[in-house]
Amino acid sequence: MSEPDFLHALRVYWEDTDAGGVVFYANYLKYFERARTEWLRAKGFGQQRLRNDTGAIFVVTDTSVSYLEPARLDDQLQISVRIAETGGASLTFRQEARRADELLAVGTIRIGCVDAGTFKPRRIPNELLALLR
């Protein structure tokens, strides 16, 4: 995989784990979401600013996650964000969860840009697209 566009560090807390002491599978989607939110914020577009300034929001339209190794309580994870594909109204990300150099989970997440009021698809704002190139 090429270098990620962004890395987000997080720690696994008790609330993230299941009865077996490992991260509950659905929490990887939360981790990926947090990393994409921080990636967007690092680009100068927090979620609220995006909505207020452009009237646009992003919604998840498709996900696929492969789970390779378990993360456990107190693990320090790195969640990567890399744009795999850019469309006029959508972005597809490849994301990874790692513990040091160990790959734990790989996700492909597609998000669509919609109007915040109507939830109808719309083009990604030009000012944001310019930052992605």
N, C-alpha and C. Protein backbone atom coordinates (compact mmCIF):
# COMPACT_ATOMS: atom_id res chain seq x y z
N MET A 1 0.84 -1.18 0.00
CA MET A 1 0.00 0.00 0.00
C MET A 1 0.88 1.24 0.00
N SER A 2 0.44 2.29 -0.68
CA SER A 2 1.19 3.54 -0.67
C SER A 2 1.03 4.23 0.68
N GLU A 3 1.82 5.26 0.89
CA GLU A 3 1.76 6.00 2.15
C GLU A 3 0.36 6.54 2.39
N PRO A 4 -0.12 6.49 3.63
CA PRO A 4 -1.46 7.04 3.91
C PRO A 4 -1.45 8.56 3.80
N ASP A 5 -2.63 9.09 3.53
CA ASP A 5 -2.81 10.54 3.50
C ASP A 5 -2.83 11.10 4.92
N PHE A 6 -3.21 10.26 5.89
CA PHE A 6 -3.39 10.72 7.27
C PHE A 6 -3.31 9.53 8.21
N LEU A 7 -2.79 9.76 9.41
CA LEU A 7 -2.77 8.75 10.47
C LEU A 7 -3.42 9.32 11.72
N HIS A 8 -4.21 8.49 12.37
CA HIS A 8 -4.89 8.89 13.61
C HIS A 8 -4.57 7.84 14.67
N ALA A 9 -4.03 8.28 15.79
CA ALA A 9 -3.70 7.37 16.89
C ALA A 9 -4.86 7.29 17.87
N LEU A 10 -5.09 6.10 18.39
CA LEU A 10 -6.09 5.93 19.45
C LEU A 10 -5.73 4.74 20.30
N ARG A 11 -6.28 4.72 21.48
CA ARG A 11 -6.06 3.62 22.42
C ARG A 11 -7.35 2.84 22.56
N VAL A 12 -7.23 1.53 22.75
CA VAL A 12 -8.40 0.68 22.97
C VAL A 12 -8.78 0.75 24.44
N TYR A 13 -10.04 1.09 24.69
CA TYR A 13 -10.58 1.17 26.05
C TYR A 13 -11.47 -0.03 26.35
N TRP A 14 -11.74 -0.21 27.62
CA TRP A 14 -12.59 -1.31 28.07
C TRP A 14 -13.90 -1.34 27.30
N GLU A 15 -14.50 -0.18 27.09
CA GLU A 15 -15.79 -0.09 26.40
C GLU A 15 -15.74 -0.58 24.94
N ASP A 16 -14.54 -0.66 24.38
CA ASP A 16 -14.36 -1.09 22.99
C ASP A 16 -14.33 -2.60 22.83
N THR A 17 -14.19 -3.32 23.94
CA THR A 17 -13.94 -4.76 23.86
C THR A 17 -15.20 -5.57 24.12
N ASP A 18 -15.17 -6.82 23.65
CA ASP A 18 -16.28 -7.74 23.88
C ASP A 18 -15.94 -8.65 25.06
N ALA A 19 -16.76 -9.64 25.29
CA ALA A 19 -16.56 -10.55 26.42
C ALA A 19 -15.25 -11.32 26.32
N GLY A 20 -14.70 -11.44 25.11
CA GLY A 20 -13.44 -12.15 24.92
C GLY A 20 -12.23 -11.25 25.12
N GLY A 21 -12.47 -9.98 25.44
CA GLY A 21 -11.35 -9.06 25.69
C GLY A 21 -10.72 -8.48 24.44
N VAL A 22 -11.38 -8.66 23.29
CA VAL A 22 -10.85 -8.09 22.05
C VAL A 22 -11.81 -7.02 21.54
N VAL A 23 -11.30 -6.17 20.67
CA VAL A 23 -12.13 -5.11 20.12
C VAL A 23 -13.31 -5.73 19.37
N PHE A 24 -14.50 -5.30 19.71
CA PHE A 24 -15.73 -5.74 19.05
C PHE A 24 -15.66 -5.30 17.59
N TYR A 25 -16.01 -6.18 16.68
CA TYR A 25 -15.79 -5.95 15.25
C TYR A 25 -16.37 -4.63 14.74
N ALA A 26 -17.54 -4.23 15.20
CA ALA A 26 -18.18 -3.01 14.71
C ALA A 26 -17.42 -1.76 15.12
N ASN A 27 -16.61 -1.85 16.16
CA ASN A 27 -15.86 -0.67 16.61
C ASN A 27 -14.80 -0.24 15.62
N TYR A 28 -14.35 -1.15 14.75
CA TYR A 28 -13.40 -0.73 13.72
C TYR A 28 -14.03 0.30 12.80
N LEU A 29 -15.32 0.18 12.53
CA LEU A 29 -16.01 1.19 11.72
C LEU A 29 -16.01 2.55 12.43
N LYS A 30 -16.17 2.53 13.75
CA LYS A 30 -16.08 3.79 14.53
C LYS A 30 -14.67 4.36 14.44
N TYR A 31 -13.68 3.52 14.57
CA TYR A 31 -12.29 3.98 14.47
C TYR A 31 -12.01 4.59 13.10
N PHE A 32 -12.50 3.93 12.05
CA PHE A 32 -12.30 4.45 10.70
C PHE A 32 -13.02 5.80 10.53
N GLU A 33 -14.22 5.91 11.09
CA GLU A 33 -14.98 7.16 11.02
C GLU A 33 -14.23 8.29 11.73
N ARG A 34 -13.73 8.02 12.91
CA ARG A 34 -12.98 9.04 13.66
C ARG A 34 -11.77 9.50 12.86
N ALA A 35 -11.06 8.57 12.27
CA ALA A 35 -9.87 8.93 11.50
C ALA A 35 -10.23 9.78 10.29
N ARG A 36 -11.33 9.44 9.59
CA ARG A 36 -11.75 10.26 8.45
C ARG A 36 -12.18 11.65 8.90
N THR A 37 -12.83 11.73 10.05
CA THR A 37 -13.24 13.03 10.59
C THR A 37 -12.03 13.88 10.91
N GLU A 38 -11.01 13.29 11.51
CA GLU A 38 -9.79 14.04 11.84
C GLU A 38 -9.00 14.38 10.58
N TRP A 39 -9.03 13.52 9.58
CA TRP A 39 -8.41 13.81 8.28
C TRP A 39 -9.06 15.04 7.67
N LEU A 40 -10.40 15.07 7.68
CA LEU A 40 -11.14 16.21 7.12
C LEU A 40 -10.82 17.49 7.91
N ARG A 41 -10.78 17.38 9.23
CA ARG A 41 -10.44 18.53 10.08
C ARG A 41 -9.03 19.04 9.77
N ALA A 42 -8.10 18.12 9.55
CA ALA A 42 -6.72 18.51 9.22
C ALA A 42 -6.66 19.24 7.87
N LYS A 43 -7.63 18.97 7.01
CA LYS A 43 -7.72 19.66 5.72
C LYS A 43 -8.38 21.04 5.87
N GLY A 44 -8.82 21.38 7.09
CA GLY A 44 -9.46 22.67 7.34
C GLY A 44 -10.97 22.64 7.22
N PHE A 45 -11.54 21.43 7.13
CA PHE A 45 -12.98 21.28 6.98
C PHE A 45 -13.54 20.38 8.06
N GLY A 46 -13.76 20.92 9.26
CA GLY A 46 -14.47 20.15 10.26
C GLY A 46 -15.88 19.89 9.75
N GLN A 47 -16.52 18.89 10.29
CA GLN A 47 -17.86 18.52 9.82
C GLN A 47 -18.84 19.70 9.89
N GLN A 48 -18.80 20.45 10.99
CA GLN A 48 -19.72 21.57 11.14
C GLN A 48 -19.41 22.68 10.15
N ARG A 49 -18.14 22.97 9.93
CA ARG A 49 -17.77 24.00 8.95
C ARG A 49 -18.22 23.60 7.55
N LEU A 50 -18.01 22.33 7.20
CA LEU A 50 -18.43 21.85 5.89
C LEU A 50 -19.92 22.09 5.70
N ARG A 51 -20.69 21.76 6.70
CA ARG A 51 -22.16 21.94 6.63
C ARG A 51 -22.53 23.41 6.57
N ASN A 52 -21.96 24.20 7.47
CA ASN A 52 -22.32 25.62 7.55
C ASN A 52 -21.89 26.40 6.31
N ASP A 53 -20.67 26.15 5.83
CA ASP A 53 -20.12 26.95 4.73
C ASP A 53 -20.58 26.49 3.35
N THR A 54 -20.88 25.20 3.21
CA THR A 54 -21.20 24.69 1.88
C THR A 54 -22.57 24.05 1.77
N GLY A 55 -23.19 23.73 2.90
CA GLY A 55 -24.47 23.03 2.87
C GLY A 55 -24.35 21.56 2.55
N ALA A 56 -23.12 21.05 2.58
CA ALA A 56 -22.87 19.65 2.24
C ALA A 56 -22.50 18.86 3.49
N ILE A 57 -22.85 17.59 3.46
CA ILE A 57 -22.38 16.63 4.46
C ILE A 57 -22.04 15.34 3.73
N PHE A 58 -21.28 14.48 4.39
CA PHE A 58 -20.96 13.18 3.82
C PHE A 58 -21.71 12.09 4.57
N VAL A 59 -22.16 11.11 3.83
CA VAL A 59 -22.80 9.94 4.42
C VAL A 59 -22.10 8.68 3.89
N VAL A 60 -22.01 7.68 4.73
CA VAL A 60 -21.41 6.42 4.31
C VAL A 60 -22.41 5.68 3.43
N THR A 61 -21.95 5.23 2.27
CA THR A 61 -22.84 4.51 1.35
C THR A 61 -22.46 3.04 1.21
N ASP A 62 -21.23 2.67 1.55
CA ASP A 62 -20.81 1.28 1.39
C ASP A 62 -19.58 1.03 2.26
N THR A 63 -19.52 -0.14 2.88
CA THR A 63 -18.35 -0.52 3.67
C THR A 63 -18.01 -1.99 3.44
N SER A 64 -16.73 -2.27 3.59
CA SER A 64 -16.24 -3.64 3.56
C SER A 64 -15.03 -3.67 4.48
N VAL A 65 -15.02 -4.58 5.43
CA VAL A 65 -13.91 -4.68 6.37
C VAL A 65 -13.43 -6.13 6.45
N SER A 66 -12.13 -6.31 6.37
CA SER A 66 -11.51 -7.61 6.59
C SER A 66 -10.78 -7.56 7.92
N TYR A 67 -11.05 -8.52 8.77
CA TYR A 67 -10.45 -8.58 10.11
C TYR A 67 -9.35 -9.63 10.09
N LEU A 68 -8.14 -9.22 10.41
CA LEU A 68 -6.99 -10.11 10.28
C LEU A 68 -6.44 -10.59 11.62
N GLU A 69 -6.33 -9.68 12.57
CA GLU A 69 -5.82 -10.00 13.91
C GLU A 69 -6.60 -9.17 14.93
N PRO A 70 -6.77 -9.68 16.15
CA PRO A 70 -7.54 -8.91 17.13
C PRO A 70 -6.72 -7.80 17.80
N ALA A 71 -7.38 -6.70 18.05
CA ALA A 71 -6.82 -5.66 18.93
C ALA A 71 -7.39 -5.92 20.32
N ARG A 72 -6.62 -5.55 21.34
CA ARG A 72 -7.02 -5.85 22.72
C ARG A 72 -6.95 -4.60 23.60
N LEU A 73 -7.53 -4.75 24.77
CA LEU A 73 -7.56 -3.67 25.75
C LEU A 73 -6.18 -3.03 25.91
N ASP A 74 -6.15 -1.70 25.89
CA ASP A 74 -4.95 -0.87 26.08
C ASP A 74 -4.02 -0.82 24.88
N ASP A 75 -4.32 -1.55 23.82
CA ASP A 75 -3.49 -1.45 22.62
C ASP A 75 -3.51 -0.01 22.10
N GLN A 76 -2.38 0.43 21.60
CA GLN A 76 -2.27 1.71 20.91
C GLN A 76 -2.36 1.41 19.42
N LEU A 77 -3.35 2.00 18.76
CA LEU A 77 -3.58 1.72 17.35
C LEU A 77 -3.30 2.95 16.49
N GLN A 78 -2.93 2.69 15.26
CA GLN A 78 -2.80 3.73 14.24
C GLN A 78 -3.83 3.40 13.18
N ILE A 79 -4.70 4.37 12.90
CA ILE A 79 -5.73 4.20 11.89
C ILE A 79 -5.34 5.08 10.71
N SER A 80 -5.17 4.46 9.56
CA SER A 80 -4.75 5.22 8.38
C SER A 80 -5.95 5.58 7.51
N VAL A 81 -5.77 6.67 6.77
CA VAL A 81 -6.76 7.14 5.81
C VAL A 81 -6.02 7.37 4.50
N ARG A 82 -6.53 6.76 3.45
CA ARG A 82 -5.97 7.00 2.12
C ARG A 82 -7.12 7.03 1.13
N ILE A 83 -7.16 8.07 0.32
CA ILE A 83 -8.18 8.15 -0.71
C ILE A 83 -7.81 7.17 -1.82
N ALA A 84 -8.72 6.26 -2.10
CA ALA A 84 -8.50 5.28 -3.16
C ALA A 84 -9.13 5.74 -4.48
N GLU A 85 -10.22 6.51 -4.38
CA GLU A 85 -10.91 6.96 -5.58
C GLU A 85 -11.69 8.23 -5.26
N THR A 86 -11.65 9.17 -6.19
CA THR A 86 -12.40 10.41 -6.05
C THR A 86 -13.38 10.52 -7.21
N GLY A 87 -14.65 10.69 -6.88
CA GLY A 87 -15.68 10.92 -7.89
C GLY A 87 -16.23 12.33 -7.72
N GLY A 88 -17.14 12.71 -8.55
CA GLY A 88 -17.72 14.04 -8.45
C GLY A 88 -18.52 14.26 -7.18
N ALA A 89 -19.18 13.18 -6.70
CA ALA A 89 -20.01 13.29 -5.50
C ALA A 89 -19.66 12.22 -4.47
N SER A 90 -18.53 11.54 -4.64
CA SER A 90 -18.17 10.49 -3.69
C SER A 90 -16.66 10.36 -3.54
N LEU A 91 -16.29 9.77 -2.43
CA LEU A 91 -14.89 9.44 -2.15
C LEU A 91 -14.87 8.00 -1.65
N THR A 92 -13.88 7.24 -2.10
CA THR A 92 -13.68 5.90 -1.58
C THR A 92 -12.34 5.88 -0.87
N PHE A 93 -12.35 5.39 0.35
CA PHE A 93 -11.16 5.34 1.18
C PHE A 93 -10.73 3.91 1.40
N ARG A 94 -9.42 3.74 1.51
CA ARG A 94 -8.85 2.49 2.02
C ARG A 94 -8.28 2.85 3.38
N GLN A 95 -8.71 2.13 4.38
CA GLN A 95 -8.27 2.41 5.74
C GLN A 95 -7.72 1.15 6.37
N GLU A 96 -6.74 1.34 7.23
CA GLU A 96 -6.14 0.23 7.94
C GLU A 96 -6.05 0.55 9.42
N ALA A 97 -6.19 -0.49 10.22
CA ALA A 97 -5.94 -0.41 11.66
C ALA A 97 -4.70 -1.24 11.92
N ARG A 98 -3.70 -0.62 12.57
CA ARG A 98 -2.43 -1.30 12.87
C ARG A 98 -2.08 -1.13 14.34
N ARG A 99 -1.41 -2.14 14.85
CA ARG A 99 -0.76 -2.08 16.16
C ARG A 99 0.72 -2.20 15.84
N ALA A 100 1.44 -1.07 15.96
CA ALA A 100 2.83 -1.00 15.50
C ALA A 100 2.83 -1.36 14.02
N ASP A 101 3.60 -2.39 13.63
CA ASP A 101 3.66 -2.78 12.23
C ASP A 101 2.69 -3.91 11.87
N GLU A 102 1.90 -4.33 12.85
CA GLU A 102 0.99 -5.46 12.63
C GLU A 102 -0.36 -4.98 12.10
N LEU A 103 -0.74 -5.46 10.93
CA LEU A 103 -2.00 -5.10 10.30
C LEU A 103 -3.13 -5.89 10.95
N LEU A 104 -4.13 -5.17 11.49
CA LEU A 104 -5.24 -5.81 12.20
C LEU A 104 -6.51 -5.88 11.38
N ALA A 105 -6.82 -4.80 10.67
CA ALA A 105 -8.06 -4.74 9.88
C ALA A 105 -7.85 -3.81 8.70
N VAL A 106 -8.52 -4.13 7.61
CA VAL A 106 -8.47 -3.32 6.40
C VAL A 106 -9.91 -3.01 5.99
N GLY A 107 -10.19 -1.74 5.73
CA GLY A 107 -11.54 -1.36 5.32
C GLY A 107 -11.55 -0.55 4.05
N THR A 108 -12.59 -0.74 3.28
CA THR A 108 -12.88 0.11 2.13
C THR A 108 -14.21 0.77 2.44
N ILE A 109 -14.18 2.10 2.51
CA ILE A 109 -15.37 2.85 2.89
C ILE A 109 -15.66 3.87 1.79
N ARG A 110 -16.88 3.87 1.29
CA ARG A 110 -17.29 4.84 0.28
C ARG A 110 -18.25 5.82 0.95
N ILE A 111 -17.99 7.11 0.75
CA ILE A 111 -18.88 8.13 1.28
C ILE A 111 -19.42 8.96 0.13
N GLY A 112 -20.65 9.40 0.28
CA GLY A 112 -21.28 10.24 -0.72
C GLY A 112 -21.53 11.62 -0.16
N CYS A 113 -21.45 12.60 -1.00
CA CYS A 113 -21.73 13.98 -0.62
C CYS A 113 -23.21 14.24 -0.89
N VAL A 114 -23.90 14.75 0.13
CA VAL A 114 -25.32 15.06 -0.02
C VAL A 114 -25.60 16.46 0.52
N ASP A 115 -26.72 17.01 0.07
CA ASP A 115 -27.19 18.29 0.60
C ASP A 115 -27.65 18.06 2.03
N ALA A 116 -27.21 18.91 2.96
CA ALA A 116 -27.52 18.73 4.38
C ALA A 116 -29.01 18.83 4.67
N GLY A 117 -29.76 19.57 3.87
CA GLY A 117 -31.19 19.74 4.12
C GLY A 117 -32.06 18.67 3.49
N THR A 118 -31.69 18.25 2.28
CA THR A 118 -32.55 17.33 1.54
C THR A 118 -32.00 15.90 1.47
N PHE A 119 -30.73 15.75 1.78
CA PHE A 119 -30.02 14.46 1.67
C PHE A 119 -29.98 13.95 0.23
N LYS A 120 -30.16 14.85 -0.73
CA LYS A 120 -30.01 14.48 -2.13
C LYS A 120 -28.54 14.59 -2.52
N PRO A 121 -28.07 13.68 -3.37
CA PRO A 121 -26.66 13.74 -3.79
C PRO A 121 -26.32 15.08 -4.42
N ARG A 122 -25.10 15.50 -4.17
CA ARG A 122 -24.58 16.75 -4.76
C ARG A 122 -23.08 16.59 -4.96
N ARG A 123 -22.53 17.45 -5.77
CA ARG A 123 -21.08 17.41 -6.01
C ARG A 123 -20.33 17.81 -4.75
N ILE A 124 -19.14 17.26 -4.60
CA ILE A 124 -18.26 17.65 -3.51
C ILE A 124 -17.87 19.11 -3.75
N PRO A 125 -17.93 19.96 -2.71
CA PRO A 125 -17.58 21.37 -2.90
C PRO A 125 -16.18 21.54 -3.50
N ASN A 126 -16.08 22.46 -4.45
CA ASN A 126 -14.82 22.70 -5.16
C ASN A 126 -13.67 23.03 -4.22
N GLU A 127 -13.93 23.79 -3.16
CA GLU A 127 -12.86 24.16 -2.24
C GLU A 127 -12.29 22.96 -1.52
N LEU A 128 -13.11 21.95 -1.28
CA LEU A 128 -12.61 20.71 -0.67
C LEU A 128 -11.91 19.86 -1.73
N LEU A 129 -12.48 19.74 -2.90
CA LEU A 129 -11.83 18.97 -3.97
C LEU A 129 -10.43 19.48 -4.26
N ALA A 130 -10.27 20.80 -4.23
CA ALA A 130 -8.95 21.40 -4.50
C ALA A 130 -7.92 20.93 -3.49
N LEU A 131 -8.33 20.69 -2.25
CA LEU A 131 -7.41 20.24 -1.20
C LEU A 131 -7.04 18.77 -1.34
N LEU A 132 -7.83 18.03 -2.10
CA LEU A 132 -7.60 16.59 -2.25
C LEU A 132 -6.63 16.27 -3.38
N ARG A 133 -6.34 17.24 -4.19
CA ARG A 133 -5.43 17.00 -5.34
C ARG A 133 -4.00 17.18 -4.97
